Structure formats: structure tokens, C-alpha cells
Amino acid sequence: MSAIAVVLGVVLVLSVLVDLVNTLVATRNVRGRYWLTRILYRQTWSLARRLGRVLPEGQREVLYSLFAPVSVLGLLVAWIAQQVLGFALIWWGLEGVSGLDSFADAVYYSGVVYFTLGFGEIVPTDVVPRFGALFEAFSGVLTTALVIGYLPALYSAYSQREQHLMMLDDGCEDRITPTSLVLARCPNGDPRDMDAFFTSWESWVAHVIETHTTFPMLALFRSQYVGQNWVTALGVVTDAALHVEIMDGHSRGPSYWMLRRSIRLFQILTDGADLSDYRARFEADRESNNQLFQQLHDDLTSHGFDLLPYDEAMVHGRELRAKYEAELEYLIDLLEAPRGFWSHNVGLVRHLDHESQVST
């Protein structure tokens, strides 16, 4: 029994230390199916989603907004609890600890050592428990130090991600669509007006790839503003880049590189996910999607853009969107993101009337 307790304690301590280093230190996270971080986030986020679906919209957004920051603190508590429990099993199974008469004493002693309180009622008397106590105290200090150093980097990455969302605007005060964005940014029908825009957003996508790989829980952090989310913003800008890609003579420009970066991000974020239902859904909706594309082609043409011939544009556009449409919808559902990206109401509206713009 003593040997089993020690072995189990060692497994608990080592597993949580590996999980901690993988989450907070490693620049490339290795996924472990049974690691504490993965289990905690998978189960708690699933529970939060189920609860959110039965709450009114306002309360649902409060719940989702609180989830990510609270989960970081919950993860710290879980790491600490597993380490304290693991070391308690080790002390309970070892000899050479004076004053330790029960498992409750072992848990108490483990907590005292872990938090470096040093009350002295229970003390190690043999060499192995003494060095073990030093290692446990080191583990407690290390865990605290890593979490304290991790939080500024996490929130800095969040801030940089959200700042760019403030620049996603089509001049109206309604839902921002890829088409309205392109029309607003190219008032004279020249897609080159969006080159700098796509270059800027390509850098943003590269930043999201790097930070969301290093800080996976960052994906769950909500925007400060209702109706805005980084996933839907990514979808709007990526679709806008696709708009430019079906224009004659403008392939392989900044919109192309923006699309490449976005598709790579979608692949990374949905690695291992089952997307078969989403792909089947889009295949079933092909006819309605063709109608939407016809409307898009007409809107862009009437604005003055020179598009590829309709059939060629439809085939090219469909091929490009097939590379990320299932992934985008999966992420929207997974993260409970709002459907669409809504602009801020500032009381200053620019109407997208192409004829009046040209005449002036």
C-alpha cells in the first residue's frame, strides 16, 4: 500500500509539472489527451456552452466573457491541488516524517511545505523526505512564478489582437459584411485601395497564429464589445480578400497573401476536429450558395469592379472558400461567437451610394 501511494503520488506530481511546463513555458504545445489542462478546458467549456444556451443573451455574454479569465485562475488552482495531493500521497507512503499519523496529516503537511509556511508540527527526519520537502517547496515557488510571468504575456497578446478589431469598419452602423467592407474601402471601384488594408490584416493573422499556438486558451477570450469577436472578424476579412481574388488582374496581390495566412490559421485551430458535418452542410447548400454568389457578382460589377467572367469567378471563388468555410463555421460554433461582426454606433454614417460618390 505504501509503495502504491508513492508511485501514484509521483505520477500525479510529474504529470502536472509536465503539463505546466508545456502550457506556460514551451513555445510549441504538445497535446496530451489526459493532461489536466486539456481535460479542464474541454469539460468546463462544454458545461459553460450548455448553460449559456439556456440563458438570456445578456447573461450568456457575461458568462462567456467571464469564462476565460476565471478558467486561468481555475487552472492554477487545479495545478496546485494536484501537486499538493500528489506530494501528500508520497509523504503518506514514505517513512521518516515525524508527526504524520493520518492521510489528513499528509495533506496538511504537503500544503505547508508547498506554500513554504513552515509551521513545524510535522517535520521530515530522514534524508529522502527532507530533500523531497525541498523539491515540493521549489515546485510551489516555480508554479507561482510561472503563472505570474504568464499572465502579462497572455493579456498583452489579447490586447494586440483586440486593437485591430477596432479598425474593422465599413462606415455604417450595422452588421459589417465582406461586400460592404470592400465597397466602402474601394469607393471608386479600384481594389488596389485595399492593398494596405490586407497587408495590415495579414500581419494580424500571423500574430494570431503565433499567440494562439503559444496560448491556446486565448481563443476563448471574448471581445470587450458585444457583437464583435476575433473569429467573425477573421471571417469577414478573409471573405473580403476572396472578393478581390475574383477580380480580373488582381490575383496574387495582398489579398492572396492574406488568404494564405488565414487558411493556415484555420487549419491550425481545427487540427484534429471532425468537420465532416460542416462540409456536408455546405455541399447540400450549394444551390443557395450559387444564388448568393450571383448577387455578389452583380453587386461588385455594379459598383465598377472588373470581375472575372461569371463562371470562372464562381469556380475560383468556390475553390478558395472550400479551403476554410467548414473550419470557420466550426470555430464559430465551438467558441459560441456572434453571427456576424457589428460596427460601433458613433452617430456618423457614410452611405454606400456608388453613383453619388462618383459624381462628387
Protein backbone atom coordinates (compact mmCIF):
# COMPACT_ATOMS: atom_id res chain seq x y z
CA MET A 1 0.00 0.00 0.00
CA SER A 2 2.82 2.41 0.85
CA ALA A 3 4.61 1.72 -2.43
CA ILE A 4 1.39 2.19 -4.42
CA ALA A 5 0.76 5.54 -2.70
CA VAL A 6 4.28 6.74 -3.50
CA VAL A 7 4.08 5.65 -7.15
CA LEU A 8 0.66 7.27 -7.59
CA GLY A 9 1.91 10.46 -5.94
CA VAL A 10 4.97 10.60 -8.20
CA VAL A 11 2.75 10.13 -11.29
CA LEU A 12 0.43 12.95 -10.20
CA VAL A 13 3.30 15.34 -9.46
CA LEU A 14 5.27 14.63 -12.62
CA SER A 15 2.22 14.77 -14.89
CA VAL A 16 1.16 18.16 -13.59
CA LEU A 17 4.70 19.53 -13.85
CA VAL A 18 4.94 18.37 -17.47
CA ASP A 19 1.53 19.89 -18.20
CA LEU A 20 2.54 23.14 -16.52
CA VAL A 21 5.78 23.44 -18.49
CA ASN A 22 4.02 22.51 -21.75
CA THR A 23 1.37 25.19 -21.16
CA LEU A 24 3.43 28.02 -19.70
CA VAL A 25 6.99 27.51 -20.95
CA ALA A 26 7.08 25.55 -24.20
CA THR A 27 6.73 27.61 -27.37
CA ARG A 28 5.14 24.67 -29.17
CA ASN A 29 2.40 22.95 -27.20
CA VAL A 30 2.21 19.17 -27.31
CA ARG A 31 -1.35 17.90 -26.99
CA GLY A 32 -1.94 15.32 -24.29
CA ARG A 33 -5.37 13.74 -24.23
CA TYR A 34 -5.33 13.13 -20.49
CA TRP A 35 -3.40 16.19 -19.35
CA LEU A 36 -5.10 18.31 -16.74
CA THR A 37 -5.25 21.48 -18.85
CA ARG A 38 -6.95 19.75 -21.77
CA ILE A 39 -9.43 17.90 -19.55
CA LEU A 40 -10.26 21.03 -17.56
CA TYR A 41 -10.91 23.25 -20.58
CA ARG A 42 -12.76 20.63 -22.57
CA GLN A 43 -15.16 19.80 -19.75
CA THR A 44 -15.70 23.27 -18.28
CA TRP A 45 -16.17 25.00 -21.65
CA SER A 46 -18.64 22.32 -22.72
CA LEU A 47 -20.56 22.91 -19.49
CA ALA A 48 -20.45 26.71 -19.97
CA ARG A 49 -21.78 26.37 -23.53
CA ARG A 50 -24.71 24.22 -22.42
CA LEU A 51 -25.53 26.66 -19.63
CA GLY A 52 -25.19 29.68 -21.93
CA ARG A 53 -27.69 28.31 -24.42
CA VAL A 54 -30.49 28.44 -21.85
CA LEU A 55 -29.64 31.93 -20.56
CA PRO A 56 -30.89 35.25 -21.96
CA GLU A 57 -28.48 36.86 -24.42
CA GLY A 58 -27.13 39.44 -21.97
CA GLN A 59 -26.43 36.90 -19.24
CA ARG A 60 -24.97 34.49 -21.78
CA GLU A 61 -22.40 37.06 -22.91
CA VAL A 62 -21.48 37.80 -19.30
CA LEU A 63 -20.94 34.09 -18.69
CA TYR A 64 -18.79 33.66 -21.80
CA SER A 65 -16.80 36.82 -21.05
CA LEU A 66 -16.01 35.65 -17.52
CA PHE A 67 -15.17 32.11 -18.51
CA ALA A 68 -11.69 32.62 -19.96
CA PRO A 69 -10.13 34.78 -17.20
CA VAL A 70 -11.77 32.70 -14.45
CA SER A 71 -10.60 29.49 -16.13
CA VAL A 72 -6.98 30.65 -15.95
CA LEU A 73 -7.33 31.04 -12.18
CA GLY A 74 -9.16 27.71 -12.03
CA LEU A 75 -6.31 26.06 -13.90
CA LEU A 76 -3.82 27.41 -11.36
CA VAL A 77 -5.94 26.05 -8.51
CA ALA A 78 -6.18 22.65 -10.24
CA TRP A 79 -2.41 22.51 -10.78
CA ILE A 80 -1.78 23.35 -7.13
CA ALA A 81 -4.39 20.90 -5.85
CA GLN A 82 -2.97 18.04 -7.91
CA GLN A 83 0.57 18.77 -6.75
CA VAL A 84 -0.44 19.02 -3.09
CA LEU A 85 -2.40 15.78 -3.36
CA GLY A 86 0.45 14.02 -5.18
CA PHE A 87 3.02 15.04 -2.59
CA ALA A 88 0.59 14.07 0.20
CA LEU A 89 0.44 10.54 -1.23
CA ILE A 90 4.23 10.45 -1.31
CA TRP A 91 4.53 11.57 2.34
CA TRP A 92 1.80 9.13 3.36
CA GLY A 93 3.67 6.26 1.71
CA LEU A 94 7.14 7.18 2.96
CA GLU A 95 8.62 6.73 6.37
CA GLY A 96 10.76 9.33 8.08
CA VAL A 97 8.20 12.12 8.64
CA SER A 98 7.68 12.77 12.34
CA GLY A 99 4.14 13.68 13.48
CA LEU A 100 2.38 12.33 10.40
CA ASP A 101 -0.30 9.95 11.70
CA SER A 102 -3.01 10.03 9.02
CA PHE A 103 -3.61 10.90 5.38
CA ALA A 104 -5.20 14.16 6.53
CA ASP A 105 -1.91 14.97 8.25
CA ALA A 106 -0.11 14.17 5.00
CA VAL A 107 -2.32 16.60 3.04
CA TYR A 108 -1.80 19.30 5.68
CA TYR A 109 1.95 18.77 5.71
CA SER A 110 2.08 18.82 1.91
CA GLY A 111 0.23 22.14 1.84
CA VAL A 112 2.51 23.64 4.50
CA VAL A 113 5.61 22.63 2.54
CA TYR A 114 4.18 23.61 -0.86
CA PHE A 115 3.32 27.14 0.30
CA THR A 116 6.56 27.34 2.34
CA LEU A 117 4.69 28.12 5.58
CA GLY A 118 6.95 26.00 7.80
CA PHE A 119 4.86 25.70 10.99
CA GLY A 120 6.95 22.80 12.29
CA GLU A 121 4.36 20.44 13.83
CA ILE A 122 5.27 17.79 11.26
CA VAL A 123 8.92 17.54 10.20
CA PRO A 124 10.96 15.22 7.97
CA THR A 125 13.58 13.23 9.83
CA ASP A 126 15.17 11.12 7.08
CA VAL A 127 17.24 12.21 4.10
CA VAL A 128 14.72 11.35 1.36
CA PRO A 129 11.77 13.21 2.95
CA ARG A 130 13.98 16.22 3.65
CA PHE A 131 15.11 16.57 0.05
CA GLY A 132 11.58 15.76 -1.07
CA ALA A 133 10.27 18.66 1.02
CA LEU A 134 12.77 20.97 -0.66
CA PHE A 135 11.60 19.79 -4.09
CA GLU A 136 7.95 20.34 -3.18
CA ALA A 137 8.68 23.86 -1.94
CA PHE A 138 10.56 24.52 -5.18
CA SER A 139 7.56 23.24 -7.16
CA GLY A 140 5.26 25.65 -5.34
CA VAL A 141 7.53 28.64 -5.97
CA LEU A 142 8.05 27.59 -9.61
CA THR A 143 4.33 27.23 -10.30
CA THR A 144 3.54 30.63 -8.79
CA ALA A 145 6.39 32.34 -10.63
CA LEU A 146 5.44 30.85 -13.99
CA VAL A 147 1.78 31.84 -13.67
CA ILE A 148 2.69 35.38 -12.59
CA GLY A 149 5.01 35.72 -15.58
CA TYR A 150 2.46 34.14 -17.91
CA LEU A 151 -0.45 36.49 -17.24
CA PRO A 152 1.17 39.71 -18.60
CA ALA A 153 2.17 37.93 -21.81
CA LEU A 154 -1.32 36.46 -22.17
CA TYR A 155 -3.10 39.77 -21.71
CA SER A 156 -0.62 41.60 -23.93
CA ALA A 157 -1.40 39.15 -26.74
CA TYR A 158 -5.12 39.63 -26.10
CA SER A 159 -4.78 43.42 -26.23
CA GLN A 160 -2.89 43.35 -29.54
CA ARG A 161 -5.48 41.05 -31.04
CA GLU A 162 -8.40 43.22 -29.97
CA GLN A 163 -6.88 46.55 -31.04
CA HIS A 164 -7.06 45.52 -34.67
CA LEU A 165 -10.77 44.77 -34.42
CA MET A 166 -11.42 48.46 -33.81
CA MET A 167 -10.19 49.16 -37.35
CA LEU A 168 -12.70 46.82 -38.98
CA ASP A 169 -15.27 49.32 -40.19
CA ASP A 170 -17.35 49.93 -43.31
CA GLY A 171 -18.57 53.40 -42.35
CA CYS A 172 -22.08 52.23 -41.49
CA GLU A 173 -23.61 51.33 -38.16
CA ASP A 174 -24.94 47.87 -38.88
CA ARG A 175 -23.58 44.41 -39.47
CA ILE A 176 -20.34 44.55 -41.42
CA THR A 177 -20.31 42.17 -44.38
CA PRO A 178 -17.38 41.35 -46.65
CA THR A 179 -19.16 43.07 -49.54
CA SER A 180 -19.96 46.25 -47.60
CA LEU A 181 -16.35 46.34 -46.44
CA VAL A 182 -15.00 46.10 -49.99
CA LEU A 183 -17.44 48.70 -51.30
CA ALA A 184 -16.60 51.13 -48.50
CA ARG A 185 -12.84 50.70 -48.82
CA CYS A 186 -12.89 50.99 -52.62
CA PRO A 187 -15.31 53.86 -53.37
CA ASN A 188 -14.09 54.20 -56.96
CA GLY A 189 -14.05 50.51 -57.81
CA ASP A 190 -10.27 50.14 -57.56
CA PRO A 191 -9.33 47.06 -55.47
CA ARG A 192 -5.79 48.43 -55.03
CA ASP A 193 -7.30 50.74 -52.41
CA MET A 194 -7.43 47.68 -50.12
CA ASP A 195 -3.79 46.62 -50.54
CA ALA A 196 -2.62 48.31 -47.35
CA PHE A 197 -5.68 47.01 -45.52
CA PHE A 198 -4.95 43.38 -46.41
CA THR A 199 -1.25 43.78 -45.66
CA SER A 200 -2.14 45.01 -42.18
CA TRP A 201 -4.56 42.17 -41.59
CA GLU A 202 -2.06 39.62 -42.88
CA SER A 203 0.26 40.74 -40.07
CA TRP A 204 -2.64 40.43 -37.62
CA VAL A 205 -3.34 36.86 -38.74
CA ALA A 206 0.34 35.97 -38.36
CA HIS A 207 0.21 37.40 -34.82
CA VAL A 208 -2.89 35.33 -34.03
CA ILE A 209 -1.22 32.17 -35.36
CA GLU A 210 1.77 32.72 -33.07
CA THR A 211 -0.09 33.76 -29.93
CA HIS A 212 -2.96 31.25 -30.15
CA THR A 213 -0.46 28.44 -30.63
CA THR A 214 1.52 29.56 -27.59
CA PHE A 215 -1.55 30.50 -25.52
CA PRO A 216 -4.36 28.13 -26.64
CA MET A 217 -6.83 29.46 -24.05
CA LEU A 218 -6.58 32.89 -25.72
CA ALA A 219 -9.12 31.70 -28.29
CA LEU A 220 -11.80 31.70 -25.55
CA PHE A 221 -11.22 35.32 -24.51
CA ARG A 222 -14.17 37.40 -25.72
CA SER A 223 -14.10 40.88 -27.16
CA GLN A 224 -14.98 43.74 -24.83
CA TYR A 225 -17.82 44.74 -27.15
CA VAL A 226 -20.99 42.74 -27.77
CA GLY A 227 -21.40 41.70 -31.38
CA GLN A 228 -17.66 41.56 -32.04
CA ASN A 229 -15.40 38.54 -32.00
CA TRP A 230 -11.99 37.79 -33.44
CA VAL A 231 -13.26 34.70 -35.31
CA THR A 232 -16.07 36.56 -37.08
CA ALA A 233 -13.67 39.42 -37.84
CA LEU A 234 -11.32 36.90 -39.41
CA GLY A 235 -14.19 35.51 -41.48
CA VAL A 236 -15.25 38.96 -42.72
CA VAL A 237 -11.74 39.99 -43.78
CA THR A 238 -10.96 36.60 -45.35
CA ASP A 239 -14.17 36.71 -47.39
CA ALA A 240 -13.33 40.29 -48.40
CA ALA A 241 -9.95 39.06 -49.66
CA LEU A 242 -11.78 36.38 -51.65
CA HIS A 243 -13.87 39.16 -53.25
CA VAL A 244 -10.71 40.77 -54.59
CA GLU A 245 -9.35 37.43 -55.77
CA ILE A 246 -12.22 37.05 -58.25
CA MET A 247 -11.47 40.44 -59.80
CA ASP A 248 -9.69 40.48 -63.14
CA GLY A 249 -5.95 41.11 -62.89
CA HIS A 250 -5.73 41.34 -59.09
CA SER A 251 -4.79 37.82 -58.10
CA ARG A 252 -1.50 37.24 -56.26
CA GLY A 253 -1.68 40.64 -54.57
CA PRO A 254 -2.00 41.41 -50.84
CA SER A 255 -5.44 39.74 -50.80
CA TYR A 256 -3.84 36.49 -51.93
CA TRP A 257 -1.26 36.53 -49.14
CA MET A 258 -3.95 37.43 -46.64
CA LEU A 259 -5.96 34.38 -47.79
CA ARG A 260 -2.95 32.09 -47.47
CA ARG A 261 -2.28 33.25 -43.92
CA SER A 262 -5.97 32.89 -42.95
CA ILE A 263 -6.29 29.39 -44.39
CA ARG A 264 -3.21 28.33 -42.45
CA LEU A 265 -4.68 29.74 -39.24
CA PHE A 266 -7.95 27.88 -39.81
CA GLN A 267 -6.00 24.65 -40.36
CA ILE A 268 -4.05 25.08 -37.13
CA LEU A 269 -7.06 25.92 -34.99
CA THR A 270 -9.15 23.00 -36.28
CA ASP A 271 -6.40 20.39 -36.38
CA GLY A 272 -7.93 17.07 -35.35
CA ALA A 273 -11.52 18.34 -35.43
CA ASP A 274 -14.27 16.41 -37.23
CA LEU A 275 -15.51 18.74 -39.96
CA SER A 276 -17.47 16.19 -41.98
CA ASP A 277 -20.89 17.52 -40.93
CA TYR A 278 -19.91 21.07 -41.89
CA ARG A 279 -18.57 20.00 -45.29
CA ALA A 280 -21.76 18.02 -45.94
CA ARG A 281 -23.87 21.03 -44.97
CA PHE A 282 -22.12 23.30 -47.45
CA GLU A 283 -22.42 20.70 -50.18
CA ALA A 284 -26.18 20.49 -49.51
CA ASP A 285 -26.48 24.28 -49.65
CA ARG A 286 -24.65 24.56 -52.97
CA GLU A 287 -27.71 25.86 -54.85
CA SER A 288 -28.42 28.66 -52.39
CA ASN A 289 -24.72 29.49 -52.31
CA ASN A 290 -24.79 29.84 -56.09
CA GLN A 291 -27.60 32.37 -55.74
CA LEU A 292 -25.63 34.31 -53.14
CA PHE A 293 -22.62 34.33 -55.44
CA GLN A 294 -24.75 35.65 -58.29
CA GLN A 295 -25.88 38.52 -56.05
CA LEU A 296 -22.28 39.18 -55.01
CA HIS A 297 -21.10 39.21 -58.63
CA ASP A 298 -23.86 41.67 -59.57
CA ASP A 299 -23.14 43.98 -56.61
CA LEU A 300 -19.42 44.16 -57.31
CA THR A 301 -19.96 44.67 -61.04
CA SER A 302 -22.49 47.46 -60.50
CA HIS A 303 -20.01 49.21 -58.21
CA GLY A 304 -17.49 49.38 -61.03
CA PHE A 305 -15.18 46.44 -60.32
CA ASP A 306 -13.82 44.48 -63.27
CA LEU A 307 -14.53 40.86 -62.38
CA LEU A 308 -13.55 37.57 -63.98
CA PRO A 309 -16.26 36.05 -66.23
CA TYR A 310 -19.08 34.74 -64.05
CA ASP A 311 -18.44 31.00 -64.49
CA GLU A 312 -14.71 31.38 -63.98
CA ALA A 313 -15.21 33.65 -60.97
CA MET A 314 -17.68 31.22 -59.39
CA VAL A 315 -15.38 28.21 -59.79
CA HIS A 316 -12.36 30.11 -58.49
CA GLY A 317 -14.30 31.59 -55.58
CA ARG A 318 -15.82 28.25 -54.64
CA GLU A 319 -12.40 26.56 -54.68
CA LEU A 320 -10.93 29.21 -52.42
CA ARG A 321 -13.78 29.28 -49.91
CA ALA A 322 -13.88 25.49 -49.70
CA LYS A 323 -10.46 25.70 -48.08
CA TYR A 324 -11.80 27.43 -44.98
CA GLU A 325 -15.62 27.63 -44.90
CA ALA A 326 -16.10 24.45 -42.82
CA GLU A 327 -13.31 25.46 -40.46
CA LEU A 328 -14.79 28.92 -40.00
CA GLU A 329 -18.26 27.61 -39.17
CA TYR A 330 -16.82 25.02 -36.80
CA LEU A 331 -14.90 27.69 -34.86
CA ILE A 332 -17.94 29.98 -34.69
CA ASP A 333 -19.97 27.14 -33.18
CA LEU A 334 -17.19 25.95 -30.89
CA LEU A 335 -16.49 29.41 -29.46
CA GLU A 336 -20.16 30.47 -29.43
CA ALA A 337 -19.13 33.52 -31.45
CA PRO A 338 -21.80 36.01 -32.59
CA ARG A 339 -23.12 35.53 -36.10
CA GLY A 340 -21.64 38.49 -37.91
CA PHE A 341 -19.42 41.38 -36.87
CA TRP A 342 -21.24 44.54 -35.80
CA SER A 343 -19.77 48.03 -36.02
CA HIS A 344 -19.84 50.67 -33.30
CA ASN A 345 -22.61 53.26 -33.25
CA VAL A 346 -20.84 56.64 -33.37
CA GLY A 347 -23.59 58.69 -34.98
CA LEU A 348 -21.65 59.28 -38.20
CA VAL A 349 -22.81 57.20 -41.15
CA ARG A 350 -21.38 57.08 -44.65
CA HIS A 351 -23.90 55.63 -47.08
CA LEU A 352 -22.57 53.38 -49.81
CA ASP A 353 -24.12 55.07 -52.82
CA HIS A 354 -21.71 54.50 -55.69
CA GLU A 355 -23.33 56.91 -58.14
CA SER A 356 -23.21 59.84 -55.70
CA GLN A 357 -19.61 59.02 -54.83
CA VAL A 358 -18.55 59.01 -58.46
CA SER A 359 -20.39 62.24 -59.24
CA THR A 360 -18.58 64.08 -56.48
